[in-house]
Amino acid sequence: MAVKIRLKRMGKIRTAIYRVVVMDSRTKRDGRAIEEIGKYDPNQEPSLIEIDMDRANYWRGQGAQPTEAVAALLKIMDEGTLKVAEPKASKKDLYEAALAAAGKGDGADTSGATTAKKKAAKKADAAEAPAEEKVEEAPKAEETTEAPAEAAPVADLPEGAAAALEDGAAPEGYTIKGNKDSMKYHEPDGQWFEQTVAEVWFKTAADAEAAGFVKAGS
């Protein structure tokens, strides 16, 4: 069984997030994964990358091949160059900072303290509000239907080839599926055409062969 470690796209078209999954390479792009080993959210700053490296190394040891996009994420994890977002200030810290800014910190005159506390509390709530809204919005991406499996854009397209549309469909006029990992192409009447996720598309078999692809099964 040929196994791939690849990205499974979730969420909306323009705010997609991804799951790092282990799948049979012959499984449909929306098919069941053998195992989910991480997630990747490029919408955050810096991007969120969480991968169980013990499981990733296990599957690589079993011969599973990561796609180009997953290989880049694993390289970041292996090299230890992952950037992590700074922790957010707590409400207490924001409140104390607001008090200090108002001149009502420890040892200061406490006359009118009640009014100052109310104003400081309002400032702290206002400062905290954007972070709370962001946390509430995050789950919305999980509620939508799954989109195409591969996240990374197809780089260095062969001559005569075109990338798949955002929903994974073929561009108009393109009917031949090409797989860059195996350098094989599939025609509509081929045995594995429906089960193959196209990484590139060609208009004709001749275009695919000119780009160095061979017909699957030959």
Protein backbone atom coordinates (compact mmCIF):
# COMPACT_ATOMS: atom_id res chain seq x y z
CA MET A 1 0.00 0.00 0.00
CA ALA A 2 1.47 3.38 -1.08
CA VAL A 3 1.09 5.79 1.83
CA LYS A 4 1.36 9.57 1.71
CA ILE A 5 1.68 12.18 4.47
CA ARG A 6 -0.24 15.14 3.09
CA LEU A 7 -2.40 18.14 3.92
CA LYS A 8 -6.18 17.87 4.11
CA ARG A 9 -7.88 21.20 3.55
CA MET A 10 -10.62 22.38 5.88
CA GLY A 11 -12.62 25.59 6.18
CA LYS A 12 -13.42 28.40 3.80
CA ILE A 13 -11.69 29.08 0.50
CA ARG A 14 -9.91 32.24 1.64
CA THR A 15 -9.41 31.31 5.30
CA ALA A 16 -8.53 27.65 4.97
CA ILE A 17 -6.79 25.61 7.64
CA TYR A 18 -5.26 22.20 7.15
CA ARG A 19 -4.89 18.84 8.87
CA VAL A 20 -1.70 16.81 8.46
CA VAL A 21 -2.91 13.29 7.68
CA VAL A 22 -1.55 9.89 6.69
CA MET A 23 -3.53 8.46 3.75
CA ASP A 24 -3.40 5.74 1.14
CA SER A 25 -2.28 7.52 -2.03
CA ARG A 26 -5.12 5.80 -3.91
CA THR A 27 -7.79 7.19 -1.58
CA LYS A 28 -10.02 9.98 -2.87
CA ARG A 29 -9.04 13.43 -1.68
CA ASP A 30 -12.05 13.56 0.67
CA GLY A 31 -11.62 9.96 1.79
CA ARG A 32 -10.90 8.62 5.25
CA ALA A 33 -7.40 9.20 6.62
CA ILE A 34 -5.39 6.41 8.21
CA GLU A 35 -4.27 8.78 10.96
CA GLU A 36 -4.31 12.53 11.71
CA ILE A 37 -0.95 13.67 13.10
CA GLY A 38 -1.13 17.46 13.16
CA LYS A 39 -2.57 20.72 11.93
CA TYR A 40 -1.41 23.81 10.04
CA ASP A 41 -3.05 27.24 10.14
CA PRO A 42 -1.38 29.80 7.82
CA ASN A 43 -3.93 32.47 8.80
CA GLN A 44 -2.20 33.16 12.12
CA GLU A 45 0.90 35.31 12.58
CA PRO A 46 3.22 33.48 12.83
CA SER A 47 1.62 30.44 11.18
CA LEU A 48 0.45 27.74 13.57
CA ILE A 49 2.22 24.39 12.99
CA GLU A 50 1.47 21.49 15.32
CA ILE A 51 2.74 18.04 14.24
CA ASP A 52 3.25 14.91 16.34
CA MET A 53 6.84 14.26 15.24
CA ASP A 54 6.94 10.82 16.89
CA ARG A 55 4.09 9.67 14.64
CA ALA A 56 5.51 11.49 11.61
CA ASN A 57 8.89 9.78 12.08
CA TYR A 58 7.13 6.44 12.60
CA TRP A 59 5.27 6.70 9.30
CA ARG A 60 8.35 7.93 7.46
CA GLY A 61 10.14 4.89 8.85
CA GLN A 62 7.37 2.74 7.37
CA GLY A 63 8.01 4.22 3.92
CA ALA A 64 5.30 6.92 3.89
CA GLN A 65 6.24 9.77 1.57
CA PRO A 66 5.39 13.38 2.60
CA THR A 67 4.17 15.73 -0.11
CA GLU A 68 6.20 18.83 -0.93
CA ALA A 69 4.10 21.01 1.38
CA VAL A 70 4.29 18.59 4.32
CA ALA A 71 8.03 18.06 3.77
CA ALA A 72 8.54 21.81 4.20
CA LEU A 73 6.59 21.77 7.50
CA LEU A 74 8.50 18.72 8.76
CA LYS A 75 11.80 20.42 7.92
CA ILE A 76 10.82 23.39 10.09
CA MET A 77 9.93 21.05 12.95
CA ASP A 78 13.13 18.99 12.52
CA GLU A 79 15.36 22.08 12.46
CA GLY A 80 13.63 23.68 15.44
CA THR A 81 13.02 26.95 13.58
CA LEU A 82 9.30 27.07 14.36
CA LYS A 83 8.15 30.55 15.38
CA VAL A 84 5.63 30.75 18.23
CA ALA A 85 3.27 33.63 18.90
CA GLU A 86 3.99 35.67 22.02
CA PRO A 87 1.64 34.96 24.94
CA LYS A 88 -1.20 37.43 25.31
CA ALA A 89 -1.39 39.67 28.37
CA SER A 90 -3.97 38.62 30.94
CA LYS A 91 -6.84 40.83 32.04
CA LYS A 92 -5.13 41.30 35.39
CA ASP A 93 -1.94 42.59 33.75
CA LEU A 94 -3.90 44.95 31.51
CA TYR A 95 -5.90 46.19 34.49
CA GLU A 96 -2.79 46.89 36.55
CA ALA A 97 -1.14 48.61 33.59
CA ALA A 98 -4.21 50.83 33.19
CA LEU A 99 -4.11 51.70 36.90
CA ALA A 100 -0.43 52.58 36.66
CA ALA A 101 -1.07 54.75 33.61
CA ALA A 102 -3.79 56.57 35.56
CA GLY A 103 -1.36 57.26 38.42
CA LYS A 104 -3.21 54.98 40.83
CA GLY A 105 -0.62 52.26 41.35
CA ASP A 106 0.75 51.07 44.69
CA GLY A 107 1.69 53.95 47.05
CA ALA A 108 -0.25 56.58 45.08
CA ASP A 109 -3.03 58.80 46.41
CA THR A 110 -6.19 56.70 46.71
CA SER A 111 -8.67 59.57 46.72
CA GLY A 112 -11.23 59.04 43.99
CA ALA A 113 -9.99 55.44 43.67
CA THR A 114 -13.43 54.05 42.83
CA THR A 115 -13.78 56.25 39.75
CA ALA A 116 -10.24 55.47 38.62
CA LYS A 117 -10.85 51.74 38.98
CA LYS A 118 -13.98 51.93 36.85
CA LYS A 119 -12.14 53.83 34.12
CA ALA A 120 -9.20 51.43 34.28
CA ALA A 121 -11.52 48.44 34.10
CA LYS A 122 -13.16 49.87 30.97
CA LYS A 123 -9.74 50.37 29.37
CA ALA A 124 -8.71 46.82 30.24
CA ASP A 125 -11.94 45.39 28.80
CA ALA A 126 -11.49 47.42 25.62
CA ALA A 127 -7.90 46.22 25.24
CA GLU A 128 -8.93 42.60 25.78
CA ALA A 129 -11.95 42.63 23.45
CA PRO A 130 -10.12 42.00 20.12
CA ALA A 131 -8.40 38.89 21.50
CA GLU A 132 -11.70 37.46 22.73
CA GLU A 133 -13.38 38.06 19.37
CA LYS A 134 -10.57 36.30 17.57
CA VAL A 135 -10.91 33.22 19.78
CA GLU A 136 -14.67 33.09 19.17
CA GLU A 137 -14.31 33.34 15.39
CA ALA A 138 -11.73 30.57 15.05
CA PRO A 139 -14.14 27.59 15.25
CA LYS A 140 -16.17 28.87 12.29
CA ALA A 141 -13.56 27.53 9.90
CA GLU A 142 -14.21 24.01 11.24
CA GLU A 143 -17.93 24.09 10.42
CA THR A 144 -17.65 24.23 6.63
CA THR A 145 -17.28 21.30 4.27
CA GLU A 146 -13.90 19.99 3.29
CA ALA A 147 -12.18 21.51 0.25
CA PRO A 148 -9.35 20.10 -1.91
CA ALA A 149 -6.78 18.01 -0.09
CA GLU A 150 -3.54 19.76 -1.07
CA ALA A 151 -2.78 23.19 0.30
CA ALA A 152 0.44 24.24 -1.35
CA PRO A 153 0.26 25.96 -4.75
CA VAL A 154 1.80 24.01 -7.62
CA ALA A 155 5.21 25.55 -8.25
CA ASP A 156 7.29 25.28 -11.45
CA LEU A 157 4.48 23.97 -13.66
CA PRO A 158 5.69 21.86 -16.60
CA GLU A 159 5.21 23.35 -20.05
CA GLY A 160 1.64 22.85 -21.24
CA ALA A 161 0.34 22.14 -17.72
CA ALA A 162 -2.10 24.05 -15.53
CA ALA A 163 -2.81 23.98 -11.80
CA ALA A 164 -6.16 22.78 -10.43
CA LEU A 165 -8.78 25.36 -9.48
CA GLU A 166 -9.32 26.25 -5.83
CA ASP A 167 -12.02 23.58 -5.48
CA GLY A 168 -9.73 20.94 -7.04
CA ALA A 169 -11.56 20.91 -10.39
CA ALA A 170 -9.87 21.02 -13.79
CA PRO A 171 -9.45 24.33 -15.66
CA GLU A 172 -11.69 24.63 -18.71
CA GLY A 173 -10.40 22.55 -21.60
CA TYR A 174 -8.04 20.39 -19.48
CA THR A 175 -8.92 16.69 -19.21
CA ILE A 176 -5.69 14.81 -18.43
CA LYS A 177 -4.68 14.36 -14.78
CA GLY A 178 -0.97 14.52 -13.98
CA ASN A 179 0.70 13.34 -10.76
CA LYS A 180 4.06 15.07 -10.14
CA ASP A 181 5.14 12.57 -7.49
CA SER A 182 4.91 9.57 -9.82
CA MET A 183 5.33 11.52 -13.10
CA LYS A 184 2.35 9.62 -14.54
CA TYR A 185 -0.74 10.90 -16.28
CA HIS A 186 -4.30 9.53 -16.36
CA GLU A 187 -6.82 9.80 -19.18
CA PRO A 188 -10.58 10.03 -18.47
CA ASP A 189 -11.13 6.40 -19.49
CA GLY A 190 -8.20 5.17 -17.36
CA GLN A 191 -8.72 2.69 -14.53
CA TRP A 192 -7.54 5.06 -11.77
CA PHE A 193 -8.74 8.34 -13.21
CA GLU A 194 -11.54 8.93 -10.67
CA GLN A 195 -9.35 7.90 -7.70
CA THR A 196 -6.44 10.16 -8.68
CA VAL A 197 -5.98 13.65 -7.25
CA ALA A 198 -4.47 15.75 -10.03
CA GLU A 199 -1.50 17.87 -9.07
CA VAL A 200 -1.36 19.32 -12.60
CA TRP A 201 -3.69 19.17 -15.61
CA PHE A 202 -2.96 18.79 -19.33
CA LYS A 203 -5.19 19.34 -22.35
CA THR A 204 -3.93 16.28 -24.22
CA ALA A 205 -1.92 13.14 -23.57
CA ALA A 206 0.67 14.47 -26.01
CA ASP A 207 1.16 17.55 -23.84
CA ALA A 208 1.67 15.32 -20.78
CA GLU A 209 4.22 13.14 -22.56
CA ALA A 210 6.04 16.21 -23.87
CA ALA A 211 6.41 17.32 -20.25
CA GLY A 212 8.01 14.00 -19.30
CA PHE A 213 4.93 12.19 -17.91
CA VAL A 214 4.15 8.58 -18.78
CA LYS A 215 0.73 7.02 -19.09
CA ALA A 216 -0.37 5.17 -15.97
CA GLY A 217 -0.37 1.41 -16.43
CA SER A 218 2.08 1.49 -19.31
